[in-house]
Amino acid sequence: VQLQASGGGLVQAGGSLRLSCATSGRIIGIKAMRWYRQAPGKEREWVASIIVNGSVNYADSVKGRFSISRDRAKKTVYLQMNTLEPEDTAVYYCNINTVYGGYWGQGTLVTVSS
């Protein structure tokens, strides 16, 4: 099983990016898919979740600006990020949590300039 995150880049404050996390291999027993981020010098923090029944949750810092979704057919989870702020600069990681354990992607860098 592999998770490939993409879509990061450099954007000005107020701009948008869409991150993708494509999965390969067979993943069974999925409970939730999440995005995390780690800013320079800080600990990794949870950003957003989508659980198997479709319910979504967001960290307060991104609520109203970010949107998580999934495409079952493409085996991909997305993070639409709007109204980006310099404080959103971080490496973003996707995570899939299953009843058997979790999987992590390699991370994609998002840099927001002021």
PDB file of N, CA and C in Angstrom:
ATOM      1  N   VAL A   1       0.847  -1.186   0.000  1.00  0.00           N
ATOM      2  CA  VAL A   1       0.000   0.000   0.000  1.00  0.00           C
ATOM      3  C   VAL A   1       0.885   1.239   0.000  1.00  0.00           C
ATOM      4  N   GLN A   2       0.563   2.167  -0.885  1.00  0.00           N
ATOM      5  CA  GLN A   2       1.294   3.435  -0.938  1.00  0.00           C
ATOM      6  C   GLN A   2       0.310   4.589  -1.029  1.00  0.00           C
ATOM      7  N   LEU A   3       0.679   5.700  -0.381  1.00  0.00           N
ATOM      8  CA  LEU A   3      -0.086   6.928  -0.469  1.00  0.00           C
ATOM      9  C   LEU A   3       0.814   7.978  -1.098  1.00  0.00           C
ATOM     10  N   GLN A   4       0.339   8.582  -2.167  1.00  0.00           N
ATOM     11  CA  GLN A   4       1.128   9.584  -2.888  1.00  0.00           C
ATOM     12  C   GLN A   4       0.426  10.931  -2.800  1.00  0.00           C
ATOM     13  N   ALA A   5       1.013  11.828  -2.017  1.00  0.00           N
ATOM     14  CA  ALA A   5       0.446  13.166  -1.876  1.00  0.00           C
ATOM     15  C   ALA A   5       1.030  14.090  -2.927  1.00  0.00           C
ATOM     16  N   SER A   6       0.201  14.983  -3.445  1.00  0.00           N
ATOM     17  CA  SER A   6       0.651  15.940  -4.453  1.00  0.00           C
ATOM     18  C   SER A   6      -0.206  17.190  -4.382  1.00  0.00           C
ATOM     19  N   GLY A   7       0.203  18.211  -5.119  1.00  0.00           N
ATOM     20  CA  GLY A   7      -0.588  19.424  -5.218  1.00  0.00           C
ATOM     21  C   GLY A   7      -0.038  20.598  -4.446  1.00  0.00           C
ATOM     22  N   GLY A   8       0.998  20.386  -3.677  1.00  0.00           N
ATOM     23  CA  GLY A   8       1.588  21.491  -2.936  1.00  0.00           C
ATOM     24  C   GLY A   8       2.311  22.459  -3.853  1.00  0.00           C
ATOM     25  N   GLY A   9       2.711  23.583  -3.291  1.00  0.00           N
ATOM     26  CA  GLY A   9       3.425  24.574  -4.066  1.00  0.00           C
ATOM     27  C   GLY A   9       3.475  25.894  -3.346  1.00  0.00           C
ATOM     28  N   LEU A  10       3.880  26.921  -4.091  1.00  0.00           N
ATOM     29  CA  LEU A  10       3.971  28.271  -3.559  1.00  0.00           C
ATOM     30  C   LEU A  10       2.764  29.070  -4.024  1.00  0.00           C
ATOM     31  N   VAL A  11       2.107  29.719  -3.083  1.00  0.00           N
ATOM     32  CA  VAL A  11       0.915  30.504  -3.411  1.00  0.00           C
ATOM     33  C   VAL A  11       0.904  31.758  -2.555  1.00  0.00           C
ATOM     34  N   GLN A  12       0.313  32.816  -3.073  1.00  0.00           N
ATOM     35  CA  GLN A  12       0.184  34.042  -2.291  1.00  0.00           C
ATOM     36  C   GLN A  12      -0.960  33.931  -1.298  1.00  0.00           C
ATOM     37  N   ALA A  13      -0.856  34.681  -0.237  1.00  0.00           N
ATOM     38  CA  ALA A  13      -1.933  34.715   0.748  1.00  0.00           C
ATOM     39  C   ALA A  13      -3.249  35.068   0.059  1.00  0.00           C
ATOM     40  N   GLY A  14      -4.292  34.352   0.457  1.00  0.00           N
ATOM     41  CA  GLY A  14      -5.594  34.532  -0.165  1.00  0.00           C
ATOM     42  C   GLY A  14      -5.858  33.581  -1.317  1.00  0.00           C
ATOM     43  N   GLY A  15      -4.829  32.891  -1.751  1.00  0.00           N
ATOM     44  CA  GLY A  15      -4.967  31.957  -2.857  1.00  0.00           C
ATOM     45  C   GLY A  15      -5.481  30.599  -2.433  1.00  0.00           C
ATOM     46  N   SER A  16      -5.527  29.693  -3.397  1.00  0.00           N
ATOM     47  CA  SER A  16      -6.070  28.358  -3.173  1.00  0.00           C
ATOM     48  C   SER A  16      -5.140  27.296  -3.738  1.00  0.00           C
ATOM     49  N   LEU A  17      -5.216  26.134  -3.150  1.00  0.00           N
ATOM     50  CA  LEU A  17      -4.539  24.946  -3.647  1.00  0.00           C
ATOM     51  C   LEU A  17      -5.434  23.754  -3.366  1.00  0.00           C
ATOM     52  N   ARG A  18      -5.272  22.730  -4.177  1.00  0.00           N
ATOM     53  CA  ARG A  18      -5.956  21.467  -3.890  1.00  0.00           C
ATOM     54  C   ARG A  18      -4.916  20.366  -3.800  1.00  0.00           C
ATOM     55  N   LEU A  19      -4.869  19.738  -2.646  1.00  0.00           N
ATOM     56  CA  LEU A  19      -3.974  18.618  -2.438  1.00  0.00           C
ATOM     57  C   LEU A  19      -4.700  17.322  -2.769  1.00  0.00           C
ATOM     58  N   SER A  20      -3.941  16.374  -3.282  1.00  0.00           N
ATOM     59  CA  SER A  20      -4.485  15.052  -3.587  1.00  0.00           C
ATOM     60  C   SER A  20      -3.643  13.997  -2.897  1.00  0.00           C
ATOM     61  N   CYS A  21      -4.291  12.938  -2.509  1.00  0.00           N
ATOM     62  CA  CYS A  21      -3.600  11.791  -1.921  1.00  0.00           C
ATOM     63  C   CYS A  21      -4.128  10.547  -2.623  1.00  0.00           C
ATOM     64  N   ALA A  22      -3.348  10.048  -3.542  1.00  0.00           N
ATOM     65  CA  ALA A  22      -3.740   8.875  -4.311  1.00  0.00           C
ATOM     66  C   ALA A  22      -3.213   7.617  -3.633  1.00  0.00           C
ATOM     67  N   THR A  23      -4.062   6.627  -3.534  1.00  0.00           N
ATOM     68  CA  THR A  23      -3.664   5.385  -2.884  1.00  0.00           C
ATOM     69  C   THR A  23      -3.483   4.288  -3.918  1.00  0.00           C
ATOM     70  N   SER A  24      -2.546   3.434  -3.674  1.00  0.00           N
ATOM     71  CA  SER A  24      -2.354   2.266  -4.523  1.00  0.00           C
ATOM     72  C   SER A  24      -2.284   1.047  -3.639  1.00  0.00           C
ATOM     73  N   GLY A  25      -2.693  -0.052  -4.193  1.00  0.00           N
ATOM     74  CA  GLY A  25      -2.772  -1.255  -3.395  1.00  0.00           C
ATOM     75  C   GLY A  25      -4.140  -1.387  -2.760  1.00  0.00           C
ATOM     76  N   ARG A  26      -4.400  -2.529  -2.229  1.00  0.00           N
ATOM     77  CA  ARG A  26      -5.712  -2.799  -1.645  1.00  0.00           C
ATOM     78  C   ARG A  26      -5.688  -2.435  -0.167  1.00  0.00           C
ATOM     79  N   ILE A  27      -6.607  -1.565   0.207  1.00  0.00           N
ATOM     80  CA  ILE A  27      -6.721  -1.152   1.604  1.00  0.00           C
ATOM     81  C   ILE A  27      -8.090  -1.585   2.104  1.00  0.00           C
ATOM     82  N   ILE A  28      -8.099  -2.416   3.129  1.00  0.00           N
ATOM     83  CA  ILE A  28      -9.363  -2.887   3.673  1.00  0.00           C
ATOM     84  C   ILE A  28      -9.549  -2.370   5.098  1.00  0.00           C
ATOM     85  N   GLY A  29     -10.772  -2.314   5.504  1.00  0.00           N
ATOM     86  CA  GLY A  29     -11.080  -1.898   6.862  1.00  0.00           C
ATOM     87  C   GLY A  29     -10.829  -0.432   7.140  1.00  0.00           C
ATOM     88  N   ILE A  30     -11.032   0.421   6.125  1.00  0.00           N
ATOM     89  CA  ILE A  30     -10.789   1.849   6.325  1.00  0.00           C
ATOM     90  C   ILE A  30     -11.776   2.411   7.335  1.00  0.00           C
ATOM     91  N   LYS A  31     -11.249   3.165   8.296  1.00  0.00           N
ATOM     92  CA  LYS A  31     -12.096   3.857   9.269  1.00  0.00           C
ATOM     93  C   LYS A  31     -12.164   5.351   8.965  1.00  0.00           C
ATOM     94  N   ALA A  32     -11.034   5.935   8.581  1.00  0.00           N
ATOM     95  CA  ALA A  32     -11.012   7.374   8.332  1.00  0.00           C
ATOM     96  C   ALA A  32      -9.816   7.734   7.478  1.00  0.00           C
ATOM     97  N   MET A  33      -9.956   8.862   6.795  1.00  0.00           N
ATOM     98  CA  MET A  33      -8.845   9.434   6.055  1.00  0.00           C
ATOM     99  C   MET A  33      -8.628  10.833   6.581  1.00  0.00           C
ATOM    100  N   ARG A  34      -7.379  11.187   6.799  1.00  0.00           N
ATOM    101  CA  ARG A  34      -7.077  12.459   7.440  1.00  0.00           C
ATOM    102  C   ARG A  34      -5.948  13.177   6.728  1.00  0.00           C
ATOM    103  N   TRP A  35      -5.927  14.465   6.914  1.00  0.00           N
ATOM    104  CA  TRP A  35      -4.788  15.286   6.529  1.00  0.00           C
ATOM    105  C   TRP A  35      -4.184  15.880   7.804  1.00  0.00           C
ATOM    106  N   TYR A  36      -2.879  15.863   7.835  1.00  0.00           N
ATOM    107  CA  TYR A  36      -2.115  16.493   8.907  1.00  0.00           C
ATOM    108  C   TYR A  36      -1.146  17.488   8.265  1.00  0.00           C
ATOM    109  N   ARG A  37      -0.570  18.331   9.084  1.00  0.00           N
ATOM    110  CA  ARG A  37       0.466  19.223   8.582  1.00  0.00           C
ATOM    111  C   ARG A  37       1.513  19.451   9.664  1.00  0.00           C
ATOM    112  N   GLN A  38       2.699  19.773   9.202  1.00  0.00           N
ATOM    113  CA  GLN A  38       3.785  20.065  10.123  1.00  0.00           C
ATOM    114  C   GLN A  38       4.524  21.303   9.625  1.00  0.00           C
ATOM    115  N   ALA A  39       4.409  22.366  10.389  1.00  0.00           N
ATOM    116  CA  ALA A  39       5.100  23.602  10.068  1.00  0.00           C
ATOM    117  C   ALA A  39       6.534  23.540  10.593  1.00  0.00           C
ATOM    118  N   PRO A  40       7.419  24.336  10.029  1.00  0.00           N
ATOM    119  CA  PRO A  40       8.820  24.326  10.495  1.00  0.00           C
ATOM    120  C   PRO A  40       8.919  24.595  11.987  1.00  0.00           C
ATOM    121  N   GLY A  41       9.629  23.721  12.684  1.00  0.00           N
ATOM    122  CA  GLY A  41       9.838  23.908  14.108  1.00  0.00           C
ATOM    123  C   GLY A  41       8.657  23.558  14.991  1.00  0.00           C
ATOM    124  N   LYS A  42       7.598  23.011  14.382  1.00  0.00           N
ATOM    125  CA  LYS A  42       6.406  22.675  15.163  1.00  0.00           C
ATOM    126  C   LYS A  42       6.081  21.197  15.030  1.00  0.00           C
ATOM    127  N   GLU A  43       5.218  20.737  15.920  1.00  0.00           N
ATOM    128  CA  GLU A  43       4.793  19.348  15.872  1.00  0.00           C
ATOM    129  C   GLU A  43       3.734  19.163  14.782  1.00  0.00           C
ATOM    130  N   ARG A  44       3.611  17.937  14.338  1.00  0.00           N
ATOM    131  CA  ARG A  44       2.584  17.624  13.352  1.00  0.00           C
ATOM    132  C   ARG A  44       1.212  17.811  14.000  1.00  0.00           C
ATOM    133  N   GLU A  45       0.300  18.416  13.251  1.00  0.00           N
ATOM    134  CA  GLU A  45      -1.037  18.646  13.775  1.00  0.00           C
ATOM    135  C   GLU A  45      -2.083  18.144  12.786  1.00  0.00           C
ATOM    136  N   TRP A  46      -3.178  17.723  13.348  1.00  0.00           N
ATOM    137  CA  TRP A  46      -4.312  17.251  12.548  1.00  0.00           C
ATOM    138  C   TRP A  46      -5.003  18.444  11.894  1.00  0.00           C
ATOM    139  N   VAL A  47      -5.429  18.265  10.653  1.00  0.00           N
ATOM    140  CA  VAL A  47      -6.086  19.329   9.899  1.00  0.00           C
ATOM    141  C   VAL A  47      -7.544  18.991   9.601  1.00  0.00           C
ATOM    142  N   ALA A  48      -7.785  17.791   9.048  1.00  0.00           N
ATOM    143  CA  ALA A  48      -9.144  17.455   8.622  1.00  0.00           C
ATOM    144  C   ALA A  48      -9.291  15.948   8.546  1.00  0.00           C
ATOM    145  N   SER A  49     -10.534  15.496   8.709  1.00  0.00           N
ATOM    146  CA  SER A  49     -10.837  14.074   8.644  1.00  0.00           C
ATOM    147  C   SER A  49     -12.101  13.846   7.843  1.00  0.00           C
ATOM    148  N   ILE A  50     -12.151  12.710   7.167  1.00  0.00           N
ATOM    149  CA  ILE A  50     -13.386  12.219   6.591  1.00  0.00           C
ATOM    150  C   ILE A  50     -13.477  10.753   6.976  1.00  0.00           C
ATOM    151  N   ILE A  51     -14.577  10.402   7.636  1.00  0.00           N
ATOM    152  CA  ILE A  51     -14.696   9.022   8.082  1.00  0.00           C
ATOM    153  C   ILE A  51     -15.534   8.231   7.080  1.00  0.00           C
ATOM    154  N   VAL A  52     -15.608   6.935   7.316  1.00  0.00           N
ATOM    155  CA  VAL A  52     -16.141   6.045   6.300  1.00  0.00           C
ATOM    156  C   VAL A  52     -17.590   6.358   5.950  1.00  0.00           C
ATOM    157  N   ASN A  53     -18.340   6.939   6.875  1.00  0.00           N
ATOM    158  CA  ASN A  53     -19.735   7.263   6.564  1.00  0.00           C
ATOM    159  C   ASN A  53     -19.876   8.623   5.887  1.00  0.00           C
ATOM    160  N   GLY A  54     -18.760   9.274   5.622  1.00  0.00           N
ATOM    161  CA  GLY A  54     -18.783  10.552   4.926  1.00  0.00           C
ATOM    162  C   GLY A  54     -18.733  11.775   5.809  1.00  0.00           C
ATOM    163  N   SER A  55     -18.836  11.607   7.110  1.00  0.00           N
ATOM    164  CA  SER A  55     -18.777  12.754   8.015  1.00  0.00           C
ATOM    165  C   SER A  55     -17.392  13.382   7.968  1.00  0.00           C
ATOM    166  N   VAL A  56     -17.371  14.703   8.067  1.00  0.00           N
ATOM    167  CA  VAL A  56     -16.104  15.423   8.010  1.00  0.00           C
ATOM    168  C   VAL A  56     -15.922  16.269   9.261  1.00  0.00           C
ATOM    169  N   ASN A  57     -14.670  16.495   9.606  1.00  0.00           N
ATOM    170  CA  ASN A  57     -14.324  17.353  10.730  1.00  0.00           C
ATOM    171  C   ASN A  57     -13.066  18.133  10.388  1.00  0.00           C
ATOM    172  N   TYR A  58     -12.967  19.315  10.978  1.00  0.00           N
ATOM    173  CA  TYR A  58     -11.847  20.197  10.694  1.00  0.00           C
ATOM    174  C   TYR A  58     -11.280  20.806  11.969  1.00  0.00           C
ATOM    175  N   ALA A  59      -9.986  21.068  11.927  1.00  0.00           N
ATOM    176  CA  ALA A  59      -9.375  21.842  12.990  1.00  0.00           C
ATOM    177  C   ALA A  59      -9.950  23.259  12.945  1.00  0.00           C
ATOM    178  N   ASP A  60     -10.052  23.877  14.098  1.00  0.00           N
ATOM    179  CA  ASP A  60     -10.627  25.224  14.158  1.00  0.00           C
ATOM    180  C   ASP A  60      -9.866  26.205  13.270  1.00  0.00           C
ATOM    181  N   SER A  61      -8.577  26.007  13.141  1.00  0.00           N
ATOM    182  CA  SER A  61      -7.747  26.946  12.387  1.00  0.00           C
ATOM    183  C   SER A  61      -8.043  26.940  10.890  1.00  0.00           C
ATOM    184  N   VAL A  62      -8.688  25.884  10.392  1.00  0.00           N
ATOM    185  CA  VAL A  62      -8.952  25.789   8.950  1.00  0.00           C
ATOM    186  C   VAL A  62     -10.441  25.723   8.638  1.00  0.00           C
ATOM    187  N   LYS A  63     -11.265  25.671   9.661  1.00  0.00           N
ATOM    188  CA  LYS A  63     -12.710  25.538   9.456  1.00  0.00           C
ATOM    189  C   LYS A  63     -13.233  26.709   8.635  1.00  0.00           C
ATOM    190  N   GLY A  64     -14.015  26.382   7.620  1.00  0.00           N
ATOM    191  CA  GLY A  64     -14.568  27.415   6.746  1.00  0.00           C
ATOM    192  C   GLY A  64     -13.678  27.762   5.577  1.00  0.00           C
ATOM    193  N   ARG A  65     -12.442  27.309   5.599  1.00  0.00           N
ATOM    194  CA  ARG A  65     -11.498  27.594   4.502  1.00  0.00           C
ATOM    195  C   ARG A  65     -11.087  26.329   3.758  1.00  0.00           C
ATOM    196  N   PHE A  66     -10.967  25.218   4.470  1.00  0.00           N
ATOM    197  CA  PHE A  66     -10.517  23.960   3.878  1.00  0.00           C
ATOM    198  C   PHE A  66     -11.696  22.998   3.752  1.00  0.00           C
ATOM    199  N   SER A  67     -11.592  22.102   2.766  1.00  0.00           N
ATOM    200  CA  SER A  67     -12.637  21.109   2.571  1.00  0.00           C
ATOM    201  C   SER A  67     -11.995  19.781   2.175  1.00  0.00           C
ATOM    202  N   ILE A  68     -12.350  18.732   2.906  1.00  0.00           N
ATOM    203  CA  ILE A  68     -11.827  17.403   2.614  1.00  0.00           C
ATOM    204  C   ILE A  68     -12.892  16.597   1.882  1.00  0.00           C
ATOM    205  N   SER A  69     -12.456  15.796   0.923  1.00  0.00           N
ATOM    206  CA  SER A  69     -13.390  14.959   0.174  1.00  0.00           C
ATOM    207  C   SER A  69     -12.658  13.724  -0.322  1.00  0.00           C
ATOM    208  N   ARG A  70     -13.418  12.774  -0.837  1.00  0.00           N
ATOM    209  CA  ARG A  70     -12.791  11.576  -1.377  1.00  0.00           C
ATOM    210  C   ARG A  70     -13.503  11.169  -2.657  1.00  0.00           C
ATOM    211  N   ASP A  71     -12.762  10.519  -3.508  1.00  0.00           N
ATOM    212  CA  ASP A  71     -13.295   9.924  -4.730  1.00  0.00           C
ATOM    213  C   ASP A  71     -13.007   8.439  -4.623  1.00  0.00           C
ATOM    214  N   ARG A  72     -14.059   7.682  -4.349  1.00  0.00           N
ATOM    215  CA  ARG A  72     -13.857   6.237  -4.132  1.00  0.00           C
ATOM    216  C   ARG A  72     -13.326   5.561  -5.387  1.00  0.00           C
ATOM    217  N   ALA A  73     -13.856   5.936  -6.526  1.00  0.00           N
ATOM    218  CA  ALA A  73     -13.455   5.287  -7.782  1.00  0.00           C
ATOM    219  C   ALA A  73     -11.974   5.529  -8.073  1.00  0.00           C
ATOM    220  N   LYS A  74     -11.506   6.739  -7.760  1.00  0.00           N
ATOM    221  CA  LYS A  74     -10.106   7.072  -8.018  1.00  0.00           C
ATOM    222  C   LYS A  74      -9.207   6.739  -6.845  1.00  0.00           C
ATOM    223  N   LYS A  75      -9.817   6.274  -5.740  1.00  0.00           N
ATOM    224  CA  LYS A  75      -9.055   5.922  -4.540  1.00  0.00           C
ATOM    225  C   LYS A  75      -8.173   7.097  -4.116  1.00  0.00           C
ATOM    226  N   THR A  76      -8.785   8.249  -4.102  1.00  0.00           N
ATOM    227  CA  THR A  76      -8.046   9.474  -3.817  1.00  0.00           C
ATOM    228  C   THR A  76      -8.810  10.308  -2.804  1.00  0.00           C
ATOM    229  N   VAL A  77      -8.074  10.931  -1.911  1.00  0.00           N
ATOM    230  CA  VAL A  77      -8.666  11.878  -0.976  1.00  0.00           C
ATOM    231  C   VAL A  77      -8.066  13.253  -1.273  1.00  0.00           C
ATOM    232  N   TYR A  78      -8.890  14.273  -1.164  1.00  0.00           N
ATOM    233  CA  TYR A  78      -8.496  15.619  -1.535  1.00  0.00           C
ATOM    234  C   TYR A  78      -8.587  16.571  -0.329  1.00  0.00           C
ATOM    235  N   LEU A  79      -7.816  17.627  -0.402  1.00  0.00           N
ATOM    236  CA  LEU A  79      -7.954  18.722   0.545  1.00  0.00           C
ATOM    237  C   LEU A  79      -7.957  20.026  -0.255  1.00  0.00           C
ATOM    238  N   GLN A  80      -9.131  20.618  -0.371  1.00  0.00           N
ATOM    239  CA  GLN A  80      -9.255  21.909  -1.038  1.00  0.00           C
ATOM    240  C   GLN A  80      -8.965  22.985  -0.012  1.00  0.00           C
ATOM    241  N   MET A  81      -7.998  23.826  -0.316  1.00  0.00           N
ATOM    242  CA  MET A  81      -7.577  24.862   0.633  1.00  0.00           C
ATOM    243  C   MET A  81      -7.796  26.230  -0.005  1.00  0.00           C
ATOM    244  N   ASN A  82      -8.675  26.999   0.592  1.00  0.00           N
ATOM    245  CA  ASN A  82      -8.991  28.330   0.103  1.00  0.00           C
ATOM    246  C   ASN A  82      -8.567  29.384   1.119  1.00  0.00           C
ATOM    247  N   THR A  83      -8.484  30.611   0.652  1.00  0.00           N
ATOM    248  CA  THR A  83      -8.136  31.743   1.520  1.00  0.00           C
ATOM    249  C   THR A  83      -6.905  31.394   2.370  1.00  0.00           C
ATOM    250  N   LEU A  84      -5.884  30.933   1.690  1.00  0.00           N
ATOM    251  CA  LEU A  84      -4.686  30.494   2.406  1.00  0.00           C
ATOM    252  C   LEU A  84      -3.992  31.653   3.094  1.00  0.00           C
ATOM    253  N   GLU A  85      -3.405  31.330   4.233  1.00  0.00           N
ATOM    254  CA  GLU A  85      -2.702  32.313   5.063  1.00  0.00           C
ATOM    255  C   GLU A  85      -1.254  31.861   5.237  1.00  0.00           C
ATOM    256  N   PRO A  86      -0.355  32.789   5.508  1.00  0.00           N
ATOM    257  CA  PRO A  86       1.046  32.382   5.742  1.00  0.00           C
ATOM    258  C   PRO A  86       1.176  31.318   6.834  1.00  0.00           C
ATOM    259  N   GLU A  87       0.265  31.356   7.800  1.00  0.00           N
ATOM    260  CA  GLU A  87       0.296  30.370   8.890  1.00  0.00           C
ATOM    261  C   GLU A  87      -0.044  28.958   8.415  1.00  0.00           C
ATOM    262  N   ASP A  88      -0.533  28.831   7.198  1.00  0.00           N
ATOM    263  CA  ASP A  88      -0.834  27.513   6.639  1.00  0.00           C
ATOM    264  C   ASP A  88       0.401  26.868   6.022  1.00  0.00           C
ATOM    265  N   THR A  89       1.505  27.588   5.979  1.00  0.00           N
ATOM    266  CA  THR A  89       2.732  27.026   5.427  1.00  0.00           C
ATOM    267  C   THR A  89       3.177  25.819   6.244  1.00  0.00           C
ATOM    268  N   ALA A  90       3.354  24.695   5.562  1.00  0.00           N
ATOM    269  CA  ALA A  90       3.691  23.447   6.233  1.00  0.00           C
ATOM    270  C   ALA A  90       3.863  22.344   5.193  1.00  0.00           C
ATOM    271  N   VAL A  91       4.390  21.239   5.648  1.00  0.00           N
ATOM    272  CA  VAL A  91       4.324  20.008   4.858  1.00  0.00           C
ATOM    273  C   VAL A  91       3.035  19.302   5.239  1.00  0.00           C
ATOM    274  N   TYR A  92       2.248  18.961   4.251  1.00  0.00           N
ATOM    275  CA  TYR A  92       0.952  18.335   4.472  1.00  0.00           C
ATOM    276  C   TYR A  92       1.059  16.827   4.186  1.00  0.00           C
ATOM    277  N   TYR A  93       0.529  16.047   5.113  1.00  0.00           N
ATOM    278  CA  TYR A  93       0.588  14.595   5.023  1.00  0.00           C
ATOM    279  C   TYR A  93      -0.823  14.010   5.010  1.00  0.00           C
ATOM    280  N   CYS A  94      -1.011  12.999   4.190  1.00  0.00           N
ATOM    281  CA  CYS A  94      -2.278  12.277   4.257  1.00  0.00           C
ATOM    282  C   CYS A  94      -2.074  10.998   5.063  1.00  0.00           C
ATOM    283  N   ASN A  95      -3.138  10.582   5.665  1.00  0.00           N
ATOM    284  CA  ASN A  95      -3.120   9.407   6.542  1.00  0.00           C
ATOM    285  C   ASN A  95      -4.407   8.635   6.344  1.00  0.00           C
ATOM    286  N   ILE A  96      -4.282   7.331   6.261  1.00  0.00           N
ATOM    287  CA  ILE A  96      -5.463   6.469   6.215  1.00  0.00           C
ATOM    288  C   ILE A  96      -5.406   5.548   7.419  1.00  0.00           C
ATOM    289  N   ASN A  97      -6.455   5.570   8.193  1.00  0.00           N
ATOM    290  CA  ASN A  97      -6.550   4.763   9.399  1.00  0.00           C
ATOM    291  C   ASN A  97      -7.487   3.586   9.139  1.00  0.00           C
ATOM    292  N   THR A  98      -7.002   2.395   9.393  1.00  0.00           N
ATOM    293  CA  THR A  98      -7.822   1.205   9.204  1.00  0.00           C
ATOM    294  C   THR A  98      -7.913   0.440  10.509  1.00  0.00           C
ATOM    295  N   VAL A  99      -8.739  -0.566  10.503  1.00  0.00           N
ATOM    296  CA  VAL A  99      -8.869  -1.403  11.705  1.00  0.00           C
ATOM    297  C   VAL A  99      -7.595  -2.191  11.952  1.00  0.00           C
ATOM    298  N   TYR A 100      -6.718  -2.237  10.967  1.00  0.00           N
ATOM    299  CA  TYR A 100      -5.479  -3.006  11.077  1.00  0.00           C
ATOM    300  C   TYR A 100      -4.253  -2.117  11.306  1.00  0.00           C
ATOM    301  N   GLY A 101      -4.463  -0.825  11.269  1.00  0.00           N
ATOM    302  CA  GLY A 101      -3.349   0.093  11.436  1.00  0.00           C
ATOM    303  C   GLY A 101      -3.471   1.268  10.505  1.00  0.00           C
ATOM    304  N   GLY A 102      -2.424   2.082  10.438  1.00  0.00           N
ATOM    305  CA  GLY A 102      -2.480   3.300   9.636  1.00  0.00           C
ATOM    306  C   GLY A 102      -1.393   3.351   8.581  1.00  0.00           C
ATOM    307  N   TYR A 103      -1.645   4.192   7.557  1.00  0.00           N
ATOM    308  CA  TYR A 103      -0.703   4.406   6.472  1.00  0.00           C
ATOM    309  C   TYR A 103      -0.486   5.908   6.313  1.00  0.00           C
ATOM    310  N   TRP A 104       0.761   6.274   5.974  1.00  0.00           N
ATOM    311  CA  TRP A 104       1.098   7.688   5.775  1.00  0.00           C
ATOM    312  C   TRP A 104       1.658   7.908   4.380  1.00  0.00           C
ATOM    313  N   GLY A 105       1.333   9.074   3.832  1.00  0.00           N
ATOM    314  CA  GLY A 105       1.956   9.507   2.597  1.00  0.00           C
ATOM    315  C   GLY A 105       3.258  10.226   2.905  1.00  0.00           C
ATOM    316  N   GLN A 106       3.967  10.627   1.857  1.00  0.00           N
ATOM    317  CA  GLN A 106       5.301  11.195   2.041  1.00  0.00           C
ATOM    318  C   GLN A 106       5.277  12.693   2.315  1.00  0.00           C
ATOM    319  N   GLY A 107       4.160  13.353   2.133  1.00  0.00           N
ATOM    320  CA  GLY A 107       4.088  14.780   2.406  1.00  0.00           C
ATOM    321  C   GLY A 107       4.265  15.624   1.162  1.00  0.00           C
ATOM    322  N   THR A 108       3.582  16.752   1.150  1.00  0.00           N
ATOM    323  CA  THR A 108       3.723  17.723   0.067  1.00  0.00           C
ATOM    324  C   THR A 108       3.802  19.110   0.697  1.00  0.00           C
ATOM    325  N   LEU A 109       4.736  19.910   0.222  1.00  0.00           N
ATOM    326  CA  LEU A 109       5.021  21.197   0.843  1.00  0.00           C
ATOM    327  C   LEU A 109       4.111  22.280   0.300  1.00  0.00           C
ATOM    328  N   VAL A 110       3.493  23.009   1.209  1.00  0.00           N
ATOM    329  CA  VAL A 110       2.679  24.170   0.875  1.00  0.00           C
ATOM    330  C   VAL A 110       3.345  25.399   1.486  1.00  0.00           C
ATOM    331  N   THR A 111       3.630  26.381   0.649  1.00  0.00           N
ATOM    332  CA  THR A 111       4.237  27.618   1.124  1.00  0.00           C
ATOM    333  C   THR A 111       3.333  28.779   0.729  1.00  0.00           C
ATOM    334  N   VAL A 112       2.919  29.545   1.722  1.00  0.00           N
ATOM    335  CA  VAL A 112       2.024  30.679   1.479  1.00  0.00           C
ATOM    336  C   VAL A 112       2.799  31.963   1.777  1.00  0.00           C
ATOM    337  N   SER A 113       2.955  32.782   0.773  1.00  0.00           N
ATOM    338  CA  SER A 113       3.693  34.037   0.947  1.00  0.00           C
ATOM    339  C   SER A 113       2.737  35.176   1.298  1.00  0.00           C
ATOM    340  N   SER A 114       3.248  36.109   2.086  1.00  0.00           N
ATOM    341  CA  SER A 114       2.399  37.230   2.515  1.00  0.00           C
ATOM    342  C   SER A 114       2.476  38.387   1.541  1.00  0.00           C
TER     343      SER A 114
END
